[in-house]
Each structure stands twice: as C-alpha cells, then as structure tokens.
Amino acid sequence: MAGGGTVTAKAMFGEFGIYCDGKMVALVCDDHLFVKSTVGGRAFAAGAEEAPPYPGAKPCLLIDAEQWDDSEWLAEIVRITFQELPAPKVRAKRKSG
C-alpha cells in the first residue's frame, strides 16, 4: 500500500484504522480489509462487494484476500480513495482547567 502515500495503522476498538497521509481510507475488521467507498474506488474495484465493516457502519468496499498481495493494486485504490475523500475535520482543542 505504501505507493499510495504515507500509510499508517492505528488500533481502534480491537480493530485497525488505515490512514494515508493522515486521512482514514480503510479499516481492518475481523481479518477483512474494507476500503472506504468512493465513486472512483468502486469503478477501479469493479465487482467488489460492498459491506459494512461493523454493525451500523456505512458500507465499504470489501477487498478480496487475493488482492492483498498485489501492492500496486492496493496502492492505486488507496490513492484514488484518498483523493476523493474530504479532508479530516479539525477538532477543537479542549480547554484545560
């Protein structure tokens, strides 16, 4: 995935959020890779199933395990998804005291 930008993972509630240059683009839940659904991502991963990564979540692209070893393909879907997602919201800092 690294070819898509600086990719990092953050543990979240027993699962992992996958970030590209600080923007969440995917989740790993129950050993499945879910990429946030975008118009370009759906076109690139034509035929990919859409499913929620956890109950109540928006559907994401469920990436087949066979694709996990294709680093060029993963980098491209991460790049496409990153470009189409909005910038992360800046949270106000809490006042101490």
N, C-alpha and C. Protein backbone atom coordinates (compact mmCIF):
# COMPACT_ATOMS: atom_id res chain seq x y z
N MET A 1 0.80 -1.20 0.00
CA MET A 1 0.00 0.00 0.00
C MET A 1 0.85 1.26 0.00
N ALA A 2 2.09 1.14 0.35
CA ALA A 2 2.93 2.31 0.57
C ALA A 2 3.04 3.23 -0.64
N GLY A 3 2.87 2.72 -1.85
CA GLY A 3 2.98 3.55 -3.04
C GLY A 3 1.87 4.58 -3.14
N GLY A 4 0.81 4.45 -2.33
CA GLY A 4 -0.30 5.39 -2.36
C GLY A 4 -0.09 6.62 -1.52
N GLY A 5 0.97 6.68 -0.74
CA GLY A 5 1.26 7.79 0.17
C GLY A 5 1.84 7.22 1.45
N THR A 6 1.95 8.04 2.48
CA THR A 6 2.43 7.55 3.77
C THR A 6 1.29 6.85 4.47
N VAL A 7 1.40 5.53 4.60
CA VAL A 7 0.33 4.71 5.16
C VAL A 7 0.68 4.32 6.59
N THR A 8 -0.27 4.53 7.49
CA THR A 8 -0.10 4.15 8.89
C THR A 8 -1.35 3.41 9.35
N ALA A 9 -1.22 2.65 10.43
CA ALA A 9 -2.35 1.94 11.02
C ALA A 9 -2.48 2.36 12.48
N LYS A 10 -3.71 2.48 12.94
CA LYS A 10 -3.97 2.87 14.32
C LYS A 10 -4.98 1.89 14.90
N ALA A 11 -4.62 1.28 16.04
CA ALA A 11 -5.53 0.36 16.72
C ALA A 11 -6.77 1.13 17.18
N MET A 12 -7.93 0.56 16.90
CA MET A 12 -9.19 1.20 17.26
C MET A 12 -10.19 0.13 17.68
N PHE A 13 -10.52 0.08 18.95
CA PHE A 13 -11.55 -0.83 19.46
C PHE A 13 -11.30 -2.28 19.05
N GLY A 14 -10.07 -2.72 19.10
CA GLY A 14 -9.73 -4.10 18.76
C GLY A 14 -9.55 -4.34 17.28
N GLU A 15 -9.74 -3.34 16.46
CA GLU A 15 -9.55 -3.44 15.01
C GLU A 15 -8.51 -2.39 14.63
N PHE A 16 -8.36 -2.11 13.33
CA PHE A 16 -7.37 -1.13 12.89
C PHE A 16 -7.96 -0.17 11.87
N GLY A 17 -7.64 1.11 12.03
CA GLY A 17 -7.92 2.12 11.02
C GLY A 17 -6.67 2.30 10.19
N ILE A 18 -6.81 2.34 8.87
CA ILE A 18 -5.68 2.52 7.95
C ILE A 18 -5.76 3.95 7.41
N TYR A 19 -4.67 4.68 7.59
CA TYR A 19 -4.60 6.09 7.21
C TYR A 19 -3.58 6.31 6.10
N CYS A 20 -3.90 7.20 5.18
CA CYS A 20 -2.96 7.63 4.14
C CYS A 20 -2.77 9.13 4.34
N ASP A 21 -1.56 9.53 4.62
CA ASP A 21 -1.25 10.94 4.86
C ASP A 21 -2.23 11.57 5.85
N GLY A 22 -2.56 10.84 6.92
CA GLY A 22 -3.41 11.35 7.99
C GLY A 22 -4.91 11.24 7.75
N LYS A 23 -5.33 10.73 6.60
CA LYS A 23 -6.76 10.60 6.28
C LYS A 23 -7.14 9.12 6.31
N MET A 24 -8.19 8.76 7.08
CA MET A 24 -8.60 7.36 7.13
C MET A 24 -9.17 6.92 5.79
N VAL A 25 -8.59 5.86 5.23
CA VAL A 25 -9.04 5.36 3.93
C VAL A 25 -9.58 3.94 4.00
N ALA A 26 -9.25 3.21 5.08
CA ALA A 26 -9.65 1.82 5.16
C ALA A 26 -9.70 1.35 6.60
N LEU A 27 -10.30 0.19 6.79
CA LEU A 27 -10.37 -0.46 8.10
C LEU A 27 -10.03 -1.93 7.94
N VAL A 28 -9.40 -2.49 8.94
CA VAL A 28 -9.22 -3.94 9.01
C VAL A 28 -10.06 -4.41 10.19
N CYS A 29 -11.11 -5.16 9.89
CA CYS A 29 -12.04 -5.66 10.91
C CYS A 29 -12.25 -7.15 10.70
N ASP A 30 -12.08 -7.92 11.76
CA ASP A 30 -12.26 -9.37 11.69
C ASP A 30 -11.45 -9.98 10.55
N ASP A 31 -10.21 -9.52 10.38
CA ASP A 31 -9.30 -10.02 9.35
C ASP A 31 -9.80 -9.79 7.93
N HIS A 32 -10.62 -8.76 7.73
CA HIS A 32 -11.08 -8.37 6.40
C HIS A 32 -10.65 -6.92 6.17
N LEU A 33 -10.30 -6.61 4.91
CA LEU A 33 -9.92 -5.25 4.55
C LEU A 33 -11.10 -4.55 3.90
N PHE A 34 -11.50 -3.43 4.49
CA PHE A 34 -12.59 -2.61 3.98
C PHE A 34 -12.03 -1.25 3.60
N VAL A 35 -12.17 -0.87 2.32
CA VAL A 35 -11.73 0.44 1.85
C VAL A 35 -12.97 1.33 1.75
N LYS A 36 -12.85 2.55 2.24
CA LYS A 36 -13.99 3.47 2.17
C LYS A 36 -14.46 3.58 0.72
N SER A 37 -15.77 3.58 0.56
CA SER A 37 -16.37 3.57 -0.77
C SER A 37 -16.40 4.97 -1.37
N THR A 38 -15.84 5.10 -2.57
CA THR A 38 -15.89 6.34 -3.35
C THR A 38 -16.27 5.97 -4.77
N VAL A 39 -16.68 6.94 -5.56
CA VAL A 39 -17.05 6.68 -6.96
C VAL A 39 -15.86 6.06 -7.70
N GLY A 40 -14.69 6.67 -7.58
CA GLY A 40 -13.51 6.16 -8.26
C GLY A 40 -13.08 4.80 -7.76
N GLY A 41 -13.17 4.59 -6.46
CA GLY A 41 -12.81 3.29 -5.88
C GLY A 41 -13.72 2.19 -6.37
N ARG A 42 -15.03 2.47 -6.45
CA ARG A 42 -15.98 1.47 -6.96
C ARG A 42 -15.68 1.15 -8.42
N ALA A 43 -15.34 2.16 -9.22
CA ALA A 43 -15.01 1.92 -10.63
C ALA A 43 -13.73 1.11 -10.75
N PHE A 44 -12.72 1.44 -9.95
CA PHE A 44 -11.43 0.75 -10.01
C PHE A 44 -11.57 -0.70 -9.55
N ALA A 45 -12.34 -0.93 -8.50
CA ALA A 45 -12.51 -2.28 -7.94
C ALA A 45 -13.84 -2.86 -8.41
N ALA A 46 -14.11 -2.72 -9.70
CA ALA A 46 -15.38 -3.17 -10.27
C ALA A 46 -15.69 -4.59 -9.81
N GLY A 47 -16.90 -4.77 -9.33
CA GLY A 47 -17.33 -6.09 -8.88
C GLY A 47 -17.05 -6.37 -7.42
N ALA A 48 -16.34 -5.47 -6.74
CA ALA A 48 -16.06 -5.69 -5.32
C ALA A 48 -17.37 -5.57 -4.53
N GLU A 49 -17.53 -6.45 -3.58
CA GLU A 49 -18.70 -6.42 -2.71
C GLU A 49 -18.62 -5.21 -1.79
N GLU A 50 -19.77 -4.62 -1.50
CA GLU A 50 -19.82 -3.55 -0.51
C GLU A 50 -20.50 -4.10 0.73
N ALA A 51 -19.88 -3.88 1.88
CA ALA A 51 -20.41 -4.38 3.14
C ALA A 51 -19.94 -3.47 4.27
N PRO A 52 -20.72 -3.38 5.34
CA PRO A 52 -20.27 -2.57 6.48
C PRO A 52 -19.19 -3.32 7.26
N PRO A 53 -18.14 -2.63 7.69
CA PRO A 53 -17.09 -3.31 8.46
C PRO A 53 -17.54 -3.73 9.85
N TYR A 54 -18.58 -3.09 10.38
CA TYR A 54 -19.14 -3.43 11.69
C TYR A 54 -20.59 -2.97 11.69
N PRO A 55 -21.43 -3.51 12.57
CA PRO A 55 -22.85 -3.14 12.57
C PRO A 55 -23.04 -1.63 12.73
N GLY A 56 -23.89 -1.08 11.87
CA GLY A 56 -24.20 0.34 11.91
C GLY A 56 -23.28 1.22 11.08
N ALA A 57 -22.22 0.65 10.52
CA ALA A 57 -21.26 1.43 9.71
C ALA A 57 -21.76 1.57 8.28
N LYS A 58 -21.27 2.60 7.60
CA LYS A 58 -21.56 2.76 6.18
C LYS A 58 -20.87 1.64 5.41
N PRO A 59 -21.47 1.17 4.31
CA PRO A 59 -20.82 0.13 3.51
C PRO A 59 -19.49 0.61 2.93
N CYS A 60 -18.54 -0.27 2.93
CA CYS A 60 -17.21 -0.04 2.35
C CYS A 60 -16.94 -1.13 1.33
N LEU A 61 -15.91 -0.94 0.53
CA LEU A 61 -15.51 -1.97 -0.42
C LEU A 61 -14.78 -3.07 0.33
N LEU A 62 -15.28 -4.29 0.25
CA LEU A 62 -14.65 -5.44 0.88
C LEU A 62 -13.63 -5.99 -0.12
N ILE A 63 -12.36 -5.90 0.23
CA ILE A 63 -11.28 -6.29 -0.68
C ILE A 63 -10.98 -7.78 -0.52
N ASP A 64 -11.04 -8.50 -1.64
CA ASP A 64 -10.76 -9.94 -1.63
C ASP A 64 -9.34 -10.20 -1.13
N ALA A 65 -9.18 -11.28 -0.40
CA ALA A 65 -7.87 -11.65 0.15
C ALA A 65 -6.82 -11.81 -0.95
N GLU A 66 -7.22 -12.22 -2.15
CA GLU A 66 -6.28 -12.40 -3.26
C GLU A 66 -5.62 -11.07 -3.65
N GLN A 67 -6.32 -9.96 -3.43
CA GLN A 67 -5.79 -8.65 -3.80
C GLN A 67 -4.76 -8.13 -2.79
N TRP A 68 -4.72 -8.69 -1.59
CA TRP A 68 -3.85 -8.17 -0.53
C TRP A 68 -2.38 -8.24 -0.91
N ASP A 69 -2.00 -9.20 -1.73
CA ASP A 69 -0.59 -9.35 -2.11
C ASP A 69 -0.20 -8.48 -3.30
N ASP A 70 -1.16 -7.85 -3.94
CA ASP A 70 -0.90 -7.01 -5.12
C ASP A 70 -0.67 -5.57 -4.65
N SER A 71 0.57 -5.25 -4.31
CA SER A 71 0.88 -3.94 -3.72
C SER A 71 0.56 -2.79 -4.68
N GLU A 72 0.75 -2.98 -5.98
CA GLU A 72 0.44 -1.91 -6.94
C GLU A 72 -1.06 -1.63 -6.96
N TRP A 73 -1.87 -2.69 -6.95
CA TRP A 73 -3.32 -2.53 -6.97
C TRP A 73 -3.79 -1.84 -5.69
N LEU A 74 -3.27 -2.27 -4.54
CA LEU A 74 -3.65 -1.66 -3.27
C LEU A 74 -3.23 -0.19 -3.21
N ALA A 75 -2.03 0.11 -3.68
CA ALA A 75 -1.56 1.50 -3.69
C ALA A 75 -2.48 2.37 -4.54
N GLU A 76 -2.94 1.83 -5.66
CA GLU A 76 -3.81 2.61 -6.56
C GLU A 76 -5.18 2.86 -5.93
N ILE A 77 -5.78 1.85 -5.31
CA ILE A 77 -7.10 2.08 -4.70
C ILE A 77 -6.98 3.01 -3.51
N VAL A 78 -5.88 2.95 -2.78
CA VAL A 78 -5.66 3.89 -1.67
C VAL A 78 -5.50 5.30 -2.22
N ARG A 79 -4.74 5.46 -3.30
CA ARG A 79 -4.53 6.78 -3.91
C ARG A 79 -5.86 7.37 -4.39
N ILE A 80 -6.65 6.55 -5.09
CA ILE A 80 -7.95 7.00 -5.60
C ILE A 80 -8.86 7.40 -4.44
N THR A 81 -8.94 6.55 -3.44
CA THR A 81 -9.80 6.81 -2.29
C THR A 81 -9.36 8.07 -1.55
N PHE A 82 -8.06 8.20 -1.33
CA PHE A 82 -7.52 9.37 -0.64
C PHE A 82 -7.92 10.65 -1.36
N GLN A 83 -7.78 10.67 -2.69
CA GLN A 83 -8.07 11.88 -3.46
C GLN A 83 -9.54 12.27 -3.39
N GLU A 84 -10.43 11.28 -3.28
CA GLU A 84 -11.87 11.58 -3.31
C GLU A 84 -12.48 11.86 -1.95
N LEU A 85 -11.82 11.45 -0.88
CA LEU A 85 -12.37 11.69 0.46
C LEU A 85 -12.09 13.12 0.90
N PRO A 86 -13.00 13.71 1.67
CA PRO A 86 -12.75 15.06 2.18
C PRO A 86 -11.63 15.04 3.21
N ALA A 87 -11.05 16.20 3.44
CA ALA A 87 -10.00 16.33 4.46
C ALA A 87 -10.61 16.02 5.82
N PRO A 88 -9.81 15.44 6.72
CA PRO A 88 -10.33 15.16 8.06
C PRO A 88 -10.72 16.45 8.77
N LYS A 89 -11.78 16.36 9.56
CA LYS A 89 -12.23 17.54 10.32
C LYS A 89 -11.23 17.83 11.42
N VAL A 90 -10.93 19.11 11.59
CA VAL A 90 -10.02 19.53 12.65
C VAL A 90 -10.85 19.70 13.92
N ARG A 91 -10.46 18.97 14.93
CA ARG A 91 -11.19 19.05 16.20
C ARG A 91 -10.62 20.17 17.05
N ALA A 92 -11.52 20.87 17.72
CA ALA A 92 -11.10 21.94 18.62
C ALA A 92 -10.39 21.33 19.83
N LYS A 93 -9.34 22.00 20.26
CA LYS A 93 -8.62 21.53 21.44
C LYS A 93 -9.46 21.79 22.68
N ARG A 94 -9.38 20.86 23.61
CA ARG A 94 -10.11 21.02 24.87
C ARG A 94 -9.40 22.05 25.74
N LYS A 95 -10.22 22.80 26.44
CA LYS A 95 -9.65 23.75 27.40
C LYS A 95 -9.34 23.00 28.67
N SER A 96 -8.17 23.21 29.20
CA SER A 96 -7.82 22.56 30.47
C SER A 96 -8.22 23.46 31.62
N GLY A 97 -8.52 22.82 32.73
CA GLY A 97 -8.81 23.64 33.89
C GLY A 97 -10.08 23.37 34.46
